[in-house]
Each structure stands twice: as structure tokens, then as C-alpha cells.
Amino acid sequence: METDSWERARQVLEAAGLPPARLAGLRPLSGGTYNTVEELVLTDGSRYVLKVPPPPTAPGLRHERRLLVSEAEFYRAAAEADVPVPRVVAAGPHLLTTACPGKPWDGTLTAAERTVLRRELGRQVARLHRVTGPGFGYPSGALGPLAADWRTAFVTMLDAVLDDARHYQPRLPRPVDVVARTLRAAHDALDEVTVPCLVHFDLWQGNILVDRVAGEARIGGLIDGERMFWGDPLADFVSLTLLGDIRKDRAFLTGYREGGGASGFGVTERLRLALYRCYLYLIMLTETVPRAAGEEHDRRLREVVAPELVAALDEVGELGRGSSGSP
């Protein structure tokens, strides 16, 4: 297996116009749950990241087909906004990018550093959200072509994960058809979104690199953009405070507003945010079946995520009934 990885890496480097003989080191990177991720180090010290998709026959969710197409799209679009992201070196069956400096955000940061970094992250995310796309949805085409409106695109995304849940039958806190009925009643709120903005949708701390090379901690890069789509900027707020409440993150929201982002939380915004929470939590619970990480892992995840899905569904039901009122 190790020999195969080295040979594959050399082939990818050669196809990208880089001398394969310069490959000096290769190591797997943890954190990915779908693609195989490896760091390649060349003899001159330059570092690259190689992503390899699973075989076409591997089990997965419907939206996960051709994820690397979406990731390449995210990096190219984010570069337009002057946000630190990997540079795409080669895209095809595999994805080869440069490596950003730093390590994933962890618990070693001081409170003061966290405040500074969250504010800077807010400014960077606001810049991402100024980039607009040609339509709504996943650019990979996994769920079909981009849609002309957000409601069509997001309902398609929701229907896909609900179908995945029916197929894989994960342990959800409520029956799939009950969940679908609750969400369907709130679809009208999606009509307020008219501009397809760049959404990463997986900006939890593991995908935010913190670099200390220059002394002060700074954001070295936003990585793993494979879950991106063109849609409502509010959707990014879900993973930015995973299983939490973005409204309590004052430092981030301050930076987001400084960067030109709109962050109002009236009834319809809160309703859409609850819909996006439901979408992410349904993905997290459903993917446990094809991932087959083990019963203990799945049990711990259910204990944390299932109550949050219930809370989000309850909020959708409550806000949906009053969404015709003023914020």
C-alpha cells in the first residue's frame, strides 16, 4: 500500500509538471472522513497536499460524488477574495494543491489569541461571501446542474440527504418523514436569498489553520473546501460555531461586519439558519452508516448531535409559524 501511494504521488507530480524524482517524503494526513489525504514533501522543502477520492463503488451520501470538483472551485473562487487558501496545482481524478502554513486550530490558543483570530476569521469569511457564482447549489453536479434560485437548490439538497437517511436508516431522533414534513413547512423562507454566494459549509476549527511562524498567531489558511456550494451566506454560520450559536461569537461577528458582511438575526434569518443546522446535522448522523467508524463512535456522535437536530427542528417549527411577522 505504501509503495502504491508513493507511485501514485510520483505520477500526479509528473502530470502536474513537477519532477517526480524530487518526492522526498509522503505521509497521510488525518481529519478527512471521505477522501484519502496525503502530504507530499519535495527535496527543496516545498509541501503539497494530494487528495484521492474513494472508488466509485464506495458507499457515501448522494452529494459527496465528485467532491474534489467542488473543492477546486472553492480554492479558485476564494483566491479571488484574497483569502488564504491552498493553490490548485492540478485537478482531475485527484486534486493536488499547495500546503498552507500552520496547524489546525486547537486548544493551545490563549483567550486573547482566540478573540483576535475569530475577528480576523470574520473578516475573511465576509470576503468569501462577496464572491458570487453562476447559479445555486453544488458545482460538482452531484445533485444535478446549478439552479436558478436558492429554494430549488436547497430543497434538492435537503431531499437528497433525506433520501440518504431512508436508504441507510441511521438512528435519527425523529422519523425521516416527520423531519421532512417539518422542514417542508419552512421552505418559503428560502425565497429571500437571491444572490448565490460562496459558502464553505465546513469551517469548523479543524479546517482553520493557525500559523505561528512569525510569532503572533495568525490564520494560515482555510482548507478542505470540498463541501462548498453557491448559496446563502448564513449557511456558513452553522459550522463556524459547530453545535453552538453564532450569535454568541461577538469577535467573529464584529470582524464579519467590518468585512462588509450582513449579520442580522430577524425571524426569517433565524429560520433559515435553523434549516441549515438541520441539513448539517442530518448529514452528520446519516454518514455514520456508510463511514462505519464503529458503534462507540456513532453512539458518542448521536449523543451530541441528535439533541441539536431536535432543537433545530423545534426552532424551524416554531419560527415557521411566525415567519410572516416582522423581525
Protein backbone atom coordinates (compact mmCIF):
# COMPACT_ATOMS: atom_id res chain seq x y z
CA MET A 1 0.00 0.00 0.00
CA GLU A 2 2.81 2.38 0.91
CA THR A 3 4.56 1.64 -2.39
CA ASP A 4 1.31 2.28 -4.26
CA SER A 5 0.93 5.66 -2.53
CA TRP A 6 4.46 6.72 -3.49
CA GLU A 7 3.99 5.61 -7.08
CA ARG A 8 0.64 7.40 -7.30
CA ALA A 9 2.18 10.56 -5.86
CA ARG A 10 5.01 10.47 -8.42
CA GLN A 11 2.51 10.05 -11.25
CA VAL A 12 0.45 13.02 -10.02
CA LEU A 13 3.54 15.19 -9.69
CA GLU A 14 4.69 14.31 -13.19
CA ALA A 15 1.24 15.06 -14.63
CA ALA A 16 1.38 18.45 -12.88
CA GLY A 17 4.74 19.27 -14.42
CA LEU A 18 6.75 18.66 -11.26
CA PRO A 19 9.76 16.29 -11.35
CA PRO A 20 8.62 13.06 -9.65
CA ALA A 21 12.20 12.30 -8.60
CA ARG A 22 12.03 15.27 -6.22
CA LEU A 23 9.49 13.50 -3.99
CA ALA A 24 11.31 13.15 -0.66
CA GLY A 25 8.52 12.45 1.80
CA LEU A 26 4.92 11.28 1.97
CA ARG A 27 2.65 10.98 4.96
CA PRO A 28 -1.08 10.53 5.42
CA LEU A 29 -2.98 13.44 6.93
CA SER A 30 -5.73 12.80 9.44
CA GLY A 31 -9.03 14.63 9.75
CA GLY A 32 -10.58 13.70 6.41
CA THR A 33 -13.61 11.44 6.51
CA TYR A 34 -14.18 10.78 2.83
CA ASN A 35 -11.14 11.35 0.62
CA THR A 36 -7.65 9.99 1.23
CA VAL A 37 -5.35 12.93 2.07
CA GLU A 38 -1.55 12.88 1.90
CA GLU A 39 1.18 15.47 2.36
CA LEU A 40 3.96 15.39 -0.23
CA VAL A 41 7.33 16.96 0.59
CA LEU A 42 9.81 17.64 -2.20
CA THR A 43 13.59 17.80 -1.94
CA ASP A 44 13.54 21.61 -1.92
CA GLY A 45 11.23 21.59 1.14
CA SER A 46 8.08 22.61 -0.73
CA ARG A 47 4.92 20.94 0.52
CA TYR A 48 1.83 19.83 -1.36
CA VAL A 49 -1.43 18.13 -0.42
CA LEU A 50 -2.78 15.29 -2.53
CA LYS A 51 -6.42 14.25 -2.25
CA VAL A 52 -7.61 10.96 -3.67
CA PRO A 53 -11.32 10.12 -3.87
CA PRO A 54 -12.64 6.71 -2.84
CA PRO A 55 -13.57 4.19 -5.56
CA PRO A 56 -16.84 4.96 -7.39
CA THR A 57 -18.39 1.89 -5.76
CA ALA A 58 -17.63 3.08 -2.22
CA PRO A 59 -20.73 3.88 -0.14
CA GLY A 60 -21.44 7.54 0.53
CA LEU A 61 -24.07 10.25 0.51
CA ARG A 62 -25.52 11.50 -2.75
CA HIS A 63 -23.98 14.97 -2.54
CA GLU A 64 -20.50 13.52 -2.00
CA ARG A 65 -19.95 12.46 -5.59
CA ARG A 66 -17.16 14.47 -7.28
CA LEU A 67 -16.33 16.40 -4.12
CA LEU A 68 -12.90 17.33 -5.45
CA VAL A 69 -14.55 19.32 -8.25
CA SER A 70 -16.20 21.47 -5.61
CA GLU A 71 -13.00 21.80 -3.61
CA ALA A 72 -11.04 23.04 -6.60
CA GLU A 73 -13.85 25.50 -7.32
CA PHE A 74 -13.73 26.80 -3.75
CA TYR A 75 -9.97 27.45 -3.79
CA ARG A 76 -10.11 29.25 -7.10
CA ALA A 77 -13.04 31.39 -6.01
CA ALA A 78 -11.62 32.12 -2.55
CA ALA A 79 -8.33 33.26 -4.09
CA GLU A 80 -10.32 35.99 -5.86
CA ALA A 81 -11.29 37.32 -2.44
CA ASP A 82 -7.68 37.38 -1.20
CA VAL A 83 -8.42 34.77 1.47
CA PRO A 84 -5.54 32.43 2.39
CA VAL A 85 -6.35 29.06 0.82
CA PRO A 86 -4.32 26.36 -0.95
CA ARG A 87 -3.49 26.99 -4.60
CA VAL A 88 -4.75 24.39 -7.06
CA VAL A 89 -1.78 22.80 -8.86
CA ALA A 90 -3.64 20.06 -10.71
CA ALA A 91 -7.27 18.94 -10.74
CA GLY A 92 -8.60 15.78 -12.31
CA PRO A 93 -9.19 12.33 -10.85
CA HIS A 94 -7.04 13.57 -7.93
CA LEU A 95 -6.55 17.07 -6.50
CA LEU A 96 -3.06 18.45 -5.93
CA THR A 97 -2.72 21.73 -4.07
CA THR A 98 -0.06 23.69 -2.28
CA ALA A 99 0.03 23.34 1.51
CA CYS A 100 -0.91 26.32 3.68
CA PRO A 101 1.24 27.15 6.70
CA GLY A 102 0.08 26.29 10.19
CA LYS A 103 -1.73 23.60 12.11
CA PRO A 104 -5.46 23.09 12.77
CA TRP A 105 -6.95 25.44 15.37
CA ASP A 106 -6.76 23.69 18.75
CA GLY A 107 -6.98 24.28 22.48
CA THR A 108 -3.49 25.75 22.84
CA LEU A 109 -4.62 29.29 21.92
CA THR A 110 -4.99 31.84 24.68
CA ALA A 111 -8.26 33.69 25.19
CA ALA A 112 -6.70 36.85 23.74
CA GLU A 113 -5.43 34.97 20.68
CA ARG A 114 -8.82 33.39 20.12
CA THR A 115 -10.51 36.79 20.15
CA VAL A 116 -8.07 38.26 17.63
CA LEU A 117 -8.27 35.22 15.36
CA ARG A 118 -12.07 34.97 15.45
CA ARG A 119 -12.30 38.64 14.46
CA GLU A 120 -9.87 38.09 11.60
CA LEU A 121 -11.80 34.97 10.59
CA GLY A 122 -14.96 37.07 10.46
CA ARG A 123 -13.32 39.49 8.03
CA GLN A 124 -12.09 36.63 5.85
CA VAL A 125 -15.47 34.91 5.73
CA ALA A 126 -17.11 38.21 4.81
CA ARG A 127 -14.69 38.44 1.86
CA LEU A 128 -15.63 34.89 0.83
CA HIS A 129 -19.27 35.85 0.82
CA ARG A 130 -18.65 38.70 -1.61
CA VAL A 131 -17.73 36.15 -4.29
CA THR A 132 -20.76 35.17 -6.34
CA GLY A 133 -21.36 32.19 -8.60
CA PRO A 134 -23.26 31.38 -11.80
CA GLY A 135 -26.14 29.64 -10.00
CA PHE A 136 -27.21 27.95 -6.78
CA GLY A 137 -26.11 24.56 -5.45
CA TYR A 138 -23.13 22.19 -5.65
CA PRO A 139 -20.82 22.95 -8.60
CA SER A 140 -19.82 19.28 -8.70
CA GLY A 141 -23.11 18.44 -10.38
CA ALA A 142 -23.63 15.61 -7.90
CA LEU A 143 -27.27 16.64 -7.44
CA GLY A 144 -27.78 17.99 -10.93
CA PRO A 145 -26.97 21.33 -12.59
CA LEU A 146 -26.90 24.61 -10.69
CA ALA A 147 -30.37 26.04 -10.08
CA ALA A 148 -31.64 29.50 -10.92
CA ASP A 149 -32.97 30.06 -7.39
CA TRP A 150 -31.88 29.11 -3.88
CA ARG A 151 -35.15 27.48 -2.90
CA THR A 152 -34.90 24.95 -5.72
CA ALA A 153 -31.24 24.24 -4.94
CA PHE A 154 -31.57 23.85 -1.19
CA VAL A 155 -34.74 21.78 -1.35
CA THR A 156 -32.86 19.47 -3.71
CA MET A 157 -30.01 19.28 -1.18
CA LEU A 158 -32.42 18.53 1.67
CA ASP A 159 -34.30 15.92 -0.33
CA ALA A 160 -31.01 14.19 -1.18
CA VAL A 161 -29.91 13.78 2.44
CA LEU A 162 -33.42 12.71 3.46
CA ASP A 163 -33.29 10.05 0.74
CA ASP A 164 -29.87 9.03 2.04
CA ALA A 165 -31.39 8.67 5.51
CA ARG A 166 -34.19 6.49 4.13
CA HIS A 167 -31.59 4.35 2.38
CA TYR A 168 -29.01 3.99 5.17
CA GLN A 169 -31.51 4.11 8.06
CA PRO A 170 -29.35 5.84 10.69
CA ARG A 171 -30.72 6.25 14.20
CA LEU A 172 -32.44 9.62 13.95
CA PRO A 173 -34.26 11.19 16.91
CA ARG A 174 -37.40 11.53 14.77
CA PRO A 175 -38.71 9.54 11.79
CA VAL A 176 -37.43 10.73 8.42
CA ASP A 177 -40.89 11.57 7.10
CA VAL A 178 -41.66 13.64 10.21
CA VAL A 179 -38.39 15.53 9.72
CA ALA A 180 -39.21 16.10 6.04
CA ARG A 181 -42.66 17.42 6.89
CA THR A 182 -41.26 19.85 9.46
CA LEU A 183 -38.68 21.21 7.03
CA ARG A 184 -41.10 21.46 4.12
CA ALA A 185 -43.29 23.91 6.01
CA ALA A 186 -40.39 26.39 6.20
CA HIS A 187 -39.28 26.38 2.56
CA ASP A 188 -40.82 29.79 1.89
CA ALA A 189 -38.06 31.47 3.92
CA LEU A 190 -35.52 30.41 1.29
CA ASP A 191 -37.06 32.75 -1.29
CA GLU A 192 -35.38 35.74 0.39
CA VAL A 193 -31.96 34.60 -0.89
CA THR A 194 -31.41 35.95 -4.40
CA VAL A 195 -27.61 36.01 -4.84
CA PRO A 196 -25.53 32.78 -5.00
CA CYS A 197 -22.59 33.46 -2.69
CA LEU A 198 -19.52 31.34 -1.99
CA VAL A 199 -20.21 29.11 1.04
CA HIS A 200 -17.55 26.81 2.53
CA PHE A 201 -20.01 25.00 4.85
CA ASP A 202 -17.29 23.10 6.76
CA LEU A 203 -15.45 25.84 8.64
CA TRP A 204 -15.11 24.04 11.96
CA GLN A 205 -11.82 24.55 13.80
CA GLY A 206 -10.12 21.56 12.17
CA ASN A 207 -10.32 23.29 8.78
CA ILE A 208 -8.85 26.59 10.03
CA LEU A 209 -5.05 26.58 10.12
CA VAL A 210 -3.23 28.73 12.68
CA ASP A 211 0.32 29.77 11.84
CA ARG A 212 2.84 30.92 14.46
CA VAL A 213 5.94 31.16 12.27
CA ALA A 214 6.09 34.95 12.50
CA GLY A 215 5.49 34.94 16.28
CA GLU A 216 1.91 36.10 16.64
CA ALA A 217 -0.78 33.57 15.85
CA ARG A 218 -2.50 34.26 12.54
CA ILE A 219 -4.77 32.38 10.19
CA GLY A 220 -2.57 30.43 7.81
CA GLY A 221 -5.33 29.09 5.62
CA LEU A 222 -8.89 27.86 5.23
CA ILE A 223 -8.76 24.30 3.94
CA ASP A 224 -10.95 21.33 2.94
CA GLY A 225 -13.38 23.28 0.79
CA GLU A 226 -14.90 20.11 -0.67
CA ARG A 227 -18.34 20.74 0.89
CA MET A 228 -18.71 24.17 -0.69
CA PHE A 229 -21.75 25.34 -2.59
CA TRP A 230 -23.15 28.53 -4.06
CA GLY A 231 -25.93 29.74 -1.80
CA ASP A 232 -26.94 31.64 1.32
CA PRO A 233 -24.00 33.11 3.32
CA LEU A 234 -25.92 32.36 6.53
CA ALA A 235 -25.29 28.66 5.93
CA ASP A 236 -21.61 29.14 6.81
CA PHE A 237 -22.56 30.22 10.34
CA VAL A 238 -23.54 26.64 11.22
CA SER A 239 -20.10 25.03 11.06
CA LEU A 240 -18.33 28.20 12.23
CA THR A 241 -19.85 27.53 15.65
CA LEU A 242 -20.42 23.80 15.27
CA LEU A 243 -23.23 22.68 17.60
CA GLY A 244 -23.23 26.20 19.04
CA ASP A 245 -24.79 29.62 18.46
CA ILE A 246 -23.03 32.10 16.17
CA ARG A 247 -24.92 34.96 17.81
CA LYS A 248 -22.75 34.49 20.91
CA ASP A 249 -19.50 34.81 18.95
CA ARG A 250 -19.04 38.57 19.28
CA ALA A 251 -15.48 38.63 17.98
CA PHE A 252 -16.39 36.79 14.77
CA LEU A 253 -19.48 38.91 14.14
CA THR A 254 -17.50 42.11 14.73
CA GLY A 255 -14.96 41.06 12.12
CA TYR A 256 -17.70 39.88 9.77
CA ARG A 257 -19.39 43.27 9.89
CA GLU A 258 -16.02 45.04 9.47
CA GLY A 259 -15.54 42.97 6.32
CA GLY A 260 -18.87 44.11 4.95
CA GLY A 261 -20.93 41.08 5.91
CA ALA A 262 -24.59 41.43 6.91
CA SER A 263 -25.39 39.61 10.14
CA GLY A 264 -28.95 40.43 11.15
CA PHE A 265 -30.89 37.75 13.00
CA GLY A 266 -34.56 38.51 12.44
CA VAL A 267 -37.21 35.81 12.23
CA THR A 268 -36.53 34.75 8.63
CA GLU A 269 -32.74 34.73 9.13
CA ARG A 270 -33.10 32.59 12.23
CA LEU A 271 -35.47 30.29 10.38
CA ARG A 272 -33.03 29.80 7.52
CA LEU A 273 -30.20 29.26 9.98
CA ALA A 274 -32.26 26.56 11.70
CA LEU A 275 -32.88 24.90 8.32
CA TYR A 276 -29.14 24.82 7.61
CA ARG A 277 -28.45 23.38 11.06
CA CYS A 278 -30.94 20.61 10.31
CA TYR A 279 -29.23 19.92 7.00
CA LEU A 280 -25.76 19.63 8.55
CA TYR A 281 -26.92 17.52 11.49
CA LEU A 282 -28.79 15.16 9.15
CA ILE A 283 -25.58 14.73 7.17
CA MET A 284 -23.54 14.10 10.33
CA LEU A 285 -25.97 11.45 11.61
CA THR A 286 -26.60 9.74 8.27
CA GLU A 287 -22.97 9.49 7.18
CA THR A 288 -22.17 7.34 10.25
CA VAL A 289 -23.61 4.33 8.39
CA PRO A 290 -21.50 4.40 5.20
CA ARG A 291 -18.45 5.61 7.18
CA ALA A 292 -18.71 2.57 9.51
CA ALA A 293 -16.45 4.16 12.14
CA GLY A 294 -17.72 1.86 14.88
CA GLU A 295 -20.64 1.68 17.29
CA GLU A 296 -18.86 3.56 20.09
CA HIS A 297 -18.00 6.47 17.79
CA ASP A 298 -21.54 6.52 16.41
CA ARG A 299 -23.06 6.42 19.89
CA ARG A 300 -20.98 9.40 21.08
CA LEU A 301 -21.86 11.38 17.96
CA ARG A 302 -25.57 10.63 18.36
CA GLU A 303 -25.48 11.75 21.98
CA VAL A 304 -24.13 15.14 20.90
CA VAL A 305 -25.78 15.74 17.52
CA ALA A 306 -29.26 14.20 17.92
CA PRO A 307 -30.38 16.68 20.61
CA GLU A 308 -29.14 19.55 18.44
CA LEU A 309 -31.15 18.24 15.50
CA VAL A 310 -34.26 18.08 17.69
CA ALA A 311 -33.66 21.64 18.89
CA ALA A 312 -33.19 22.88 15.32
CA LEU A 313 -36.33 21.08 14.14
CA ASP A 314 -38.31 22.58 17.02
CA GLU A 315 -36.99 26.02 16.10
CA VAL A 316 -37.98 25.50 12.46
CA GLY A 317 -41.48 24.55 13.58
CA GLU A 318 -41.80 27.49 15.97
CA LEU A 319 -40.31 30.15 13.71
CA GLY A 320 -42.09 28.80 10.66
CA ARG A 321 -45.42 29.50 12.26
CA GLY A 322 -44.44 33.12 12.95
CA SER A 323 -42.30 33.85 9.90
CA SER A 324 -44.94 36.14 8.43
CA GLY A 325 -44.40 38.58 11.29
CA SER A 326 -41.75 41.28 11.45
CA PRO A 327 -38.25 40.58 12.91
